[in-house]
C-alpha atoms as a PDB file:
ATOM      1  CA  MET A   1     130.459 145.556  35.358  1.00  0.00           C
ATOM      2  CA  ILE A   2     134.119 144.370  34.899  1.00  0.00           C
ATOM      3  CA  ARG A   3     136.252 147.532  35.581  1.00  0.00           C
ATOM      4  CA  LEU A   4     138.590 148.431  32.252  1.00  0.00           C
ATOM      5  CA  ASP A   5     141.529 148.372  34.057  1.00  0.00           C
ATOM      6  CA  ASN A   6     140.975 144.876  34.680  1.00  0.00           C
ATOM      7  CA  LEU A   7     139.499 144.300  31.382  1.00  0.00           C
ATOM      8  CA  ILE A   8     142.916 145.240  29.744  1.00  0.00           C
ATOM      9  CA  SER A   9     145.302 143.624  32.542  1.00  0.00           C
ATOM     10  CA  GLU A  10     143.204 140.049  31.668  1.00  0.00           C
ATOM     11  CA  ILE A  11     143.345 140.844  27.736  1.00  0.00           C
ATOM     12  CA  THR A  12     147.001 141.331  27.874  1.00  0.00           C
ATOM     13  CA  GLN A  13     147.482 138.158  30.117  1.00  0.00           C
ATOM     14  CA  TRP A  14     145.397 136.362  27.467  1.00  0.00           C
ATOM     15  CA  ILE A  15     147.575 137.680  24.446  1.00  0.00           C
ATOM     16  CA  ASP A  16     151.186 137.049  26.432  1.00  0.00           C
ATOM     17  CA  ASP A  17     149.374 133.445  26.923  1.00  0.00           C
ATOM     18  CA  ASN A  18     148.695 133.050  23.146  1.00  0.00           C
ATOM     19  CA  ILE A  19     151.585 134.968  21.589  1.00  0.00           C
ATOM     20  CA  HIS A  20     152.456 131.972  19.559  1.00  0.00           C
ATOM     21  CA  GLN A  21     149.347 131.566  17.866  1.00  0.00           C
ATOM     22  CA  PRO A  22     148.339 133.995  15.475  1.00  0.00           C
ATOM     23  CA  LEU A  23     146.217 136.362  17.249  1.00  0.00           C
ATOM     24  CA  SER A  24     144.049 139.298  15.359  1.00  0.00           C
ATOM     25  CA  ILE A  25     142.109 142.112  16.829  1.00  0.00           C
ATOM     26  CA  GLU A  26     138.997 140.066  16.365  1.00  0.00           C
ATOM     27  CA  ASP A  27     139.843 137.216  18.384  1.00  0.00           C
ATOM     28  CA  VAL A  28     141.067 139.515  20.913  1.00  0.00           C
ATOM     29  CA  ALA A  29     137.808 141.294  20.885  1.00  0.00           C
ATOM     30  CA  ALA A  30     135.824 137.478  20.689  1.00  0.00           C
ATOM     31  CA  ARG A  31     137.837 137.102  23.834  1.00  0.00           C
ATOM     32  CA  ALA A  32     136.946 140.276  25.710  1.00  0.00           C
ATOM     33  CA  GLY A  33     133.608 140.029  24.709  1.00  0.00           C
ATOM     34  CA  TYR A  34     132.944 143.380  23.043  1.00  0.00           C
ATOM     35  CA  SER A  35     133.339 144.938  19.695  1.00  0.00           C
ATOM     36  CA  LYS A  36     136.474 145.442  18.436  1.00  0.00           C
ATOM     37  CA  TRP A  37     136.257 149.367  17.910  1.00  0.00           C
ATOM     38  CA  HIS A  38     135.308 149.537  21.720  1.00  0.00           C
ATOM     39  CA  LEU A  39     138.264 147.270  23.031  1.00  0.00           C
ATOM     40  CA  GLN A  40     140.564 148.918  21.002  1.00  0.00           C
ATOM     41  CA  ARG A  41     139.087 152.319  22.197  1.00  0.00           C
ATOM     42  CA  VAL A  42     139.430 151.491  25.660  1.00  0.00           C
ATOM     43  CA  PHE A  43     142.985 149.351  24.915  1.00  0.00           C
ATOM     44  CA  VAL A  44     144.635 152.696  23.433  1.00  0.00           C
ATOM     45  CA  GLN A  45     143.220 155.046  26.186  1.00  0.00           C
ATOM     46  CA  MET A  46     144.539 152.168  28.867  1.00  0.00           C
ATOM     47  CA  LYS A  47     147.848 151.084  26.926  1.00  0.00           C
ATOM     48  CA  GLY A  48     148.258 153.916  24.903  1.00  0.00           C
ATOM     49  CA  GLU A  49     149.129 152.097  21.686  1.00  0.00           C
ATOM     50  CA  ASN A  50     146.812 149.644  19.817  1.00  0.00           C
ATOM     51  CA  ILE A  51     146.459 145.808  20.583  1.00  0.00           C
ATOM     52  CA  ALA A  52     148.208 145.335  17.110  1.00  0.00           C
ATOM     53  CA  ALA A  53     151.545 147.402  18.000  1.00  0.00           C
ATOM     54  CA  TYR A  54     151.366 145.586  21.754  1.00  0.00           C
ATOM     55  CA  ILE A  55     150.882 142.193  19.484  1.00  0.00           C
ATOM     56  CA  ARG A  56     153.888 143.058  17.464  1.00  0.00           C
ATOM     57  CA  ASP A  57     155.689 144.682  20.174  1.00  0.00           C
ATOM     58  CA  ARG A  58     155.414 141.724  22.668  1.00  0.00           C
ATOM     59  CA  LYS A  59     156.419 139.119  19.485  1.00  0.00           C
ATOM     60  CA  LEU A  60     159.353 141.216  18.651  1.00  0.00           C
ATOM     61  CA  THR A  61     160.384 141.520  22.575  1.00  0.00           C
ATOM     62  CA  LEU A  62     160.332 137.535  22.620  1.00  0.00           C
ATOM     63  CA  ALA A  63     162.195 136.891  19.428  1.00  0.00           C
ATOM     64  CA  ALA A  64     165.088 139.111  20.750  1.00  0.00           C
ATOM     65  CA  ASN A  65     165.244 137.298  23.358  1.00  0.00           C
ATOM     66  CA  ASP A  66     165.371 134.129  21.585  1.00  0.00           C
ATOM     67  CA  LEU A  67     167.772 135.628  19.237  1.00  0.00           C
ATOM     68  CA  VAL A  68     170.347 136.179  22.301  1.00  0.00           C
ATOM     69  CA  LYS A  69     169.449 132.732  24.431  1.00  0.00           C
ATOM     70  CA  SER A  70     169.193 130.288  21.401  1.00  0.00           C
ATOM     71  CA  HIS A  71     170.742 129.212  18.368  1.00  0.00           C
ATOM     72  CA  ASP A  72     167.470 128.974  16.359  1.00  0.00           C
ATOM     73  CA  LYS A  73     167.812 130.513  12.841  1.00  0.00           C
ATOM     74  CA  ILE A  74     166.289 133.621  12.583  1.00  0.00           C
ATOM     75  CA  LEU A  75     164.204 132.451   9.612  1.00  0.00           C
ATOM     76  CA  ASP A  76     162.484 129.855  12.301  1.00  0.00           C
ATOM     77  CA  ILE A  77     162.087 132.645  15.130  1.00  0.00           C
ATOM     78  CA  SER A  78     160.537 134.907  12.367  1.00  0.00           C
ATOM     79  CA  PHE A  79     157.930 132.167  11.586  1.00  0.00           C
ATOM     80  CA  ARG A  80     157.714 131.330  15.376  1.00  0.00           C
ATOM     81  CA  TYR A  81     156.105 134.600  16.075  1.00  0.00           C
ATOM     82  CA  GLY A  82     153.704 134.788  13.165  1.00  0.00           C
ATOM     83  CA  PHE A  83     155.859 136.918  10.830  1.00  0.00           C
ATOM     84  CA  ASP A  84     155.232 136.017   6.775  1.00  0.00           C
ATOM     85  CA  SER A  85     158.726 136.107   5.617  1.00  0.00           C
ATOM     86  CA  GLN A  86     162.219 136.998   7.384  1.00  0.00           C
ATOM     87  CA  GLN A  87     162.473 139.996   5.512  1.00  0.00           C
ATOM     88  CA  SER A  88     159.128 141.523   7.091  1.00  0.00           C
ATOM     89  CA  PHE A  89     160.668 140.327  10.522  1.00  0.00           C
ATOM     90  CA  THR A  90     164.126 141.928   9.572  1.00  0.00           C
ATOM     91  CA  ARG A  91     161.764 145.108   8.757  1.00  0.00           C
ATOM     92  CA  SER A  92     159.587 145.502  12.019  1.00  0.00           C
ATOM     93  CA  PHE A  93     162.785 144.493  14.129  1.00  0.00           C
ATOM     94  CA  SER A  94     165.068 147.111  12.836  1.00  0.00           C
ATOM     95  CA  ARG A  95     162.317 149.500  13.550  1.00  0.00           C
ATOM     96  CA  LYS A  96     162.006 148.523  17.145  1.00  0.00           C
ATOM     97  CA  TYR A  97     165.686 147.932  17.893  1.00  0.00           C
ATOM     98  CA  ARG A  98     167.474 150.237  15.215  1.00  0.00           C
ATOM     99  CA  ILE A  99     169.625 147.158  14.285  1.00  0.00           C
ATOM    100  CA  PRO A 100     168.902 144.269  12.245  1.00  0.00           C
ATOM    101  CA  PRO A 101     168.352 140.719  13.958  1.00  0.00           C
ATOM    102  CA  GLN A 102     171.541 138.955  12.941  1.00  0.00           C
ATOM    103  CA  LYS A 103     173.809 142.240  14.279  1.00  0.00           C
ATOM    104  CA  TYR A 104     171.602 142.401  17.516  1.00  0.00           C
ATOM    105  CA  ARG A 105     172.386 138.555  18.035  1.00  0.00           C
ATOM    106  CA  ARG A 106     176.233 139.470  17.408  1.00  0.00           C
ATOM    107  CA  LEU A 107     176.128 142.083  19.973  1.00  0.00           C
ATOM    108  CA  TYR A 108     173.991 140.685  23.036  1.00  0.00           C
ATOM    109  CA  ALA A 109     174.606 136.738  21.998  1.00  0.00           C
ATOM    110  CA  GLU A 110     178.055 136.301  23.137  1.00  0.00           C
ATOM    111  CA  ARG A 111     176.873 137.339  26.801  1.00  0.00           C
ATOM    112  CA  HIS A 112     174.611 134.397  27.229  1.00  0.00           C
ATOM    113  CA  TYR A 113     176.677 131.790  26.008  1.00  0.00           C
END
């Protein structure tokens, strides 16, 4: 039987490798071969956050990187990471980073261009 830490490492790697795809808890559970309820319980136990929060955090981290290292429109970045609109992206981004994406870009992008 696969150890739980190996399972979670495998699953987080799979999520990271597929982060540009729409990912649901059902997709992750199917990949893991466990029920979504069991996988969610184990994931929270091992990572301290649920699967959806992990996915959202990874997408926002990558989006922040794109804001700083590219000239892509914020709308394009928001769609790239599966947000339904620029407004929902801005809301989630602002919750995580405490500033909106445009301001984040202005503060940090000049260091990379």
